[in-house]
């Protein structure tokens, strides 16, 4: 899998992260806000496609399990 897959996954997780960020900001939900920031930023630091998928799925599930 090449750089096109990485680019598509980065855009996908970045847009989901933006949704989490907006939701967290409007609802005063700190975990969702920080998860949104993490989803937007982590694809810049991880180059392995499988790690990007695993980390993205774990981060997306995080607000469900950590409620404040």
N, C-alpha and C. Protein backbone atom coordinates (compact mmCIF):
# COMPACT_ATOMS: atom_id res chain seq x y z
N UNK A 1 0.84 -1.17 0.00
CA UNK A 1 0.00 0.00 0.00
C UNK A 1 0.88 1.23 0.00
N UNK A 2 0.57 2.10 -0.87
CA UNK A 2 1.44 3.24 -1.08
C UNK A 2 0.99 4.50 -0.37
N UNK A 3 1.51 5.59 -0.85
CA UNK A 3 1.23 6.87 -0.22
C UNK A 3 -0.19 7.34 -0.47
N UNK A 4 -0.83 6.84 -1.52
CA UNK A 4 -2.22 7.24 -1.77
C UNK A 4 -3.14 6.70 -0.67
N UNK A 5 -2.86 5.51 -0.19
CA UNK A 5 -3.65 4.95 0.92
C UNK A 5 -3.42 5.77 2.19
N UNK A 6 -2.20 6.14 2.44
CA UNK A 6 -1.89 6.97 3.61
C UNK A 6 -2.59 8.30 3.52
N UNK A 7 -2.63 8.88 2.35
CA UNK A 7 -3.28 10.17 2.17
C UNK A 7 -4.78 10.07 2.40
N UNK A 8 -5.40 9.04 1.86
CA UNK A 8 -6.84 8.86 2.03
C UNK A 8 -7.18 8.61 3.50
N UNK A 9 -6.39 7.79 4.19
CA UNK A 9 -6.63 7.54 5.60
C UNK A 9 -6.41 8.80 6.44
N UNK A 10 -5.42 9.59 6.08
CA UNK A 10 -5.18 10.84 6.80
C UNK A 10 -6.36 11.79 6.67
N UNK A 11 -6.90 11.90 5.47
CA UNK A 11 -8.07 12.76 5.26
C UNK A 11 -9.28 12.22 6.00
N UNK A 12 -9.47 10.90 5.97
CA UNK A 12 -10.60 10.28 6.64
C UNK A 12 -10.53 10.50 8.15
N UNK A 13 -9.41 10.17 8.77
CA UNK A 13 -9.29 10.33 10.21
C UNK A 13 -9.24 11.81 10.60
N UNK A 14 -8.70 12.65 9.75
CA UNK A 14 -8.71 14.08 10.03
C UNK A 14 -10.11 14.67 10.03
N UNK A 15 -10.94 14.23 9.10
CA UNK A 15 -12.32 14.74 9.07
C UNK A 15 -13.13 14.20 10.25
N UNK A 16 -12.93 12.96 10.61
CA UNK A 16 -13.59 12.42 11.80
C UNK A 16 -13.10 13.15 13.05
N UNK A 17 -11.82 13.43 13.09
CA UNK A 17 -11.26 14.19 14.21
C UNK A 17 -11.82 15.59 14.30
N UNK A 18 -12.06 16.22 13.17
CA UNK A 18 -12.68 17.55 13.18
C UNK A 18 -14.08 17.47 13.75
N UNK A 19 -14.82 16.42 13.40
CA UNK A 19 -16.15 16.23 13.97
C UNK A 19 -16.11 16.05 15.47
N UNK A 20 -15.18 15.23 15.95
CA UNK A 20 -15.01 15.05 17.39
C UNK A 20 -14.63 16.37 18.06
N UNK A 21 -13.76 17.12 17.43
CA UNK A 21 -13.33 18.39 18.01
C UNK A 21 -14.49 19.37 18.14
N UNK A 22 -15.28 19.50 17.09
CA UNK A 22 -16.42 20.42 17.12
C UNK A 22 -17.44 19.96 18.17
N UNK A 23 -17.71 18.66 18.20
CA UNK A 23 -18.64 18.13 19.20
C UNK A 23 -18.13 18.38 20.61
N UNK A 24 -16.86 18.10 20.86
CA UNK A 24 -16.29 18.30 22.18
C UNK A 24 -16.29 19.75 22.62
N UNK A 25 -16.08 20.65 21.67
CA UNK A 25 -16.08 22.07 22.00
C UNK A 25 -17.48 22.56 22.32
N UNK A 26 -18.45 22.15 21.55
CA UNK A 26 -19.83 22.62 21.77
C UNK A 26 -20.45 21.99 23.02
N UNK A 27 -20.15 20.74 23.29
CA UNK A 27 -20.76 20.03 24.42
C UNK A 27 -19.91 20.08 25.69
N UNK A 28 -18.78 20.77 25.65
CA UNK A 28 -17.85 20.83 26.79
C UNK A 28 -17.44 19.42 27.23
N UNK A 29 -17.11 18.59 26.25
CA UNK A 29 -16.71 17.19 26.50
C UNK A 29 -15.22 17.10 26.20
N UNK A 30 -14.42 17.11 27.26
CA UNK A 30 -12.97 17.19 27.11
C UNK A 30 -12.34 16.01 26.40
N UNK A 31 -12.85 14.82 26.66
CA UNK A 31 -12.27 13.63 26.02
C UNK A 31 -12.49 13.67 24.51
N UNK A 32 -13.68 14.06 24.09
CA UNK A 32 -13.97 14.15 22.65
C UNK A 32 -13.12 15.24 22.00
N UNK A 33 -12.93 16.34 22.69
CA UNK A 33 -12.12 17.44 22.16
C UNK A 33 -10.67 17.00 21.95
N UNK A 34 -10.09 16.37 22.95
CA UNK A 34 -8.70 15.92 22.83
C UNK A 34 -8.55 14.77 21.84
N UNK A 35 -9.56 13.91 21.76
CA UNK A 35 -9.53 12.84 20.77
C UNK A 35 -9.57 13.41 19.37
N UNK A 36 -10.35 14.47 19.17
CA UNK A 36 -10.40 15.12 17.87
C UNK A 36 -9.06 15.69 17.46
N UNK A 37 -8.39 16.32 18.40
CA UNK A 37 -7.05 16.87 18.11
C UNK A 37 -6.08 15.74 17.78
N UNK A 38 -6.16 14.65 18.54
CA UNK A 38 -5.26 13.52 18.30
C UNK A 38 -5.54 12.87 16.95
N UNK A 39 -6.81 12.73 16.58
CA UNK A 39 -7.14 12.14 15.28
C UNK A 39 -6.66 13.00 14.13
N UNK A 40 -6.66 14.30 14.31
CA UNK A 40 -6.17 15.19 13.25
C UNK A 40 -4.65 15.16 13.14
N UNK A 41 -3.96 14.93 14.25
CA UNK A 41 -2.50 15.08 14.26
C UNK A 41 -1.72 13.78 14.05
N UNK A 42 -2.23 12.65 14.53
CA UNK A 42 -1.39 11.45 14.55
C UNK A 42 -0.98 10.93 13.18
N UNK A 43 -1.77 11.09 12.09
CA UNK A 43 -1.28 10.55 10.80
C UNK A 43 0.00 11.21 10.29
N UNK A 44 0.32 12.39 10.81
CA UNK A 44 1.56 13.05 10.41
C UNK A 44 2.78 12.35 10.99
N UNK A 45 2.61 11.63 12.09
CA UNK A 45 3.73 11.03 12.80
C UNK A 45 3.86 9.52 12.59
N UNK A 46 2.83 8.88 12.05
CA UNK A 46 2.85 7.43 11.84
C UNK A 46 2.84 7.17 10.35
N UNK A 47 3.80 6.39 9.87
CA UNK A 47 3.89 6.15 8.43
C UNK A 47 3.36 4.78 8.00
N UNK A 48 3.26 3.85 8.93
CA UNK A 48 2.77 2.52 8.61
C UNK A 48 1.25 2.55 8.48
N UNK A 49 0.72 2.04 7.38
CA UNK A 49 -0.71 2.10 7.09
C UNK A 49 -1.51 1.31 8.12
N UNK A 50 -1.03 0.14 8.49
CA UNK A 50 -1.76 -0.68 9.45
C UNK A 50 -1.79 -0.03 10.84
N UNK A 51 -0.70 0.62 11.23
CA UNK A 51 -0.69 1.34 12.50
C UNK A 51 -1.64 2.53 12.47
N UNK A 52 -1.72 3.20 11.34
CA UNK A 52 -2.64 4.32 11.21
C UNK A 52 -4.07 3.84 11.41
N UNK A 53 -4.42 2.71 10.82
CA UNK A 53 -5.77 2.17 10.96
C UNK A 53 -6.04 1.78 12.41
N UNK A 54 -5.12 1.07 13.03
CA UNK A 54 -5.32 0.60 14.40
C UNK A 54 -5.42 1.78 15.37
N UNK A 55 -4.51 2.74 15.27
CA UNK A 55 -4.54 3.89 16.16
C UNK A 55 -5.80 4.72 15.93
N UNK A 56 -6.20 4.88 14.68
CA UNK A 56 -7.40 5.65 14.38
C UNK A 56 -8.65 5.02 14.95
N UNK A 57 -8.78 3.72 14.83
CA UNK A 57 -9.96 3.02 15.37
C UNK A 57 -9.97 3.09 16.89
N UNK A 58 -8.81 2.92 17.52
CA UNK A 58 -8.73 3.01 18.98
C UNK A 58 -9.09 4.42 19.45
N UNK A 59 -8.59 5.43 18.77
CA UNK A 59 -8.91 6.80 19.16
C UNK A 59 -10.39 7.13 18.94
N UNK A 60 -10.97 6.59 17.88
CA UNK A 60 -12.39 6.84 17.65
C UNK A 60 -13.26 6.20 18.73
N UNK A 61 -12.82 5.08 19.29
CA UNK A 61 -13.60 4.39 20.33
C UNK A 61 -13.35 4.97 21.72
N UNK A 62 -12.30 5.74 21.88
CA UNK A 62 -11.92 6.26 23.19
C UNK A 62 -13.01 7.07 23.88
N UNK A 63 -13.68 8.02 23.23
CA UNK A 63 -14.72 8.78 23.94
C UNK A 63 -15.89 7.93 24.41
N UNK A 64 -16.14 6.82 23.76
CA UNK A 64 -17.22 5.94 24.19
C UNK A 64 -16.89 5.29 25.54
N UNK A 65 -15.64 4.93 25.73
CA UNK A 65 -15.25 4.24 26.96
C UNK A 65 -14.83 5.21 28.07
N UNK A 66 -14.35 6.38 27.72
CA UNK A 66 -13.95 7.37 28.72
C UNK A 66 -14.93 8.53 28.69
N UNK A 67 -15.87 8.50 29.56
CA UNK A 67 -16.87 9.58 29.63
C UNK A 67 -16.54 10.45 30.83
N UNK A 68 -16.70 11.78 30.65
CA UNK A 68 -16.48 12.66 31.80
C UNK A 68 -17.71 13.36 32.23
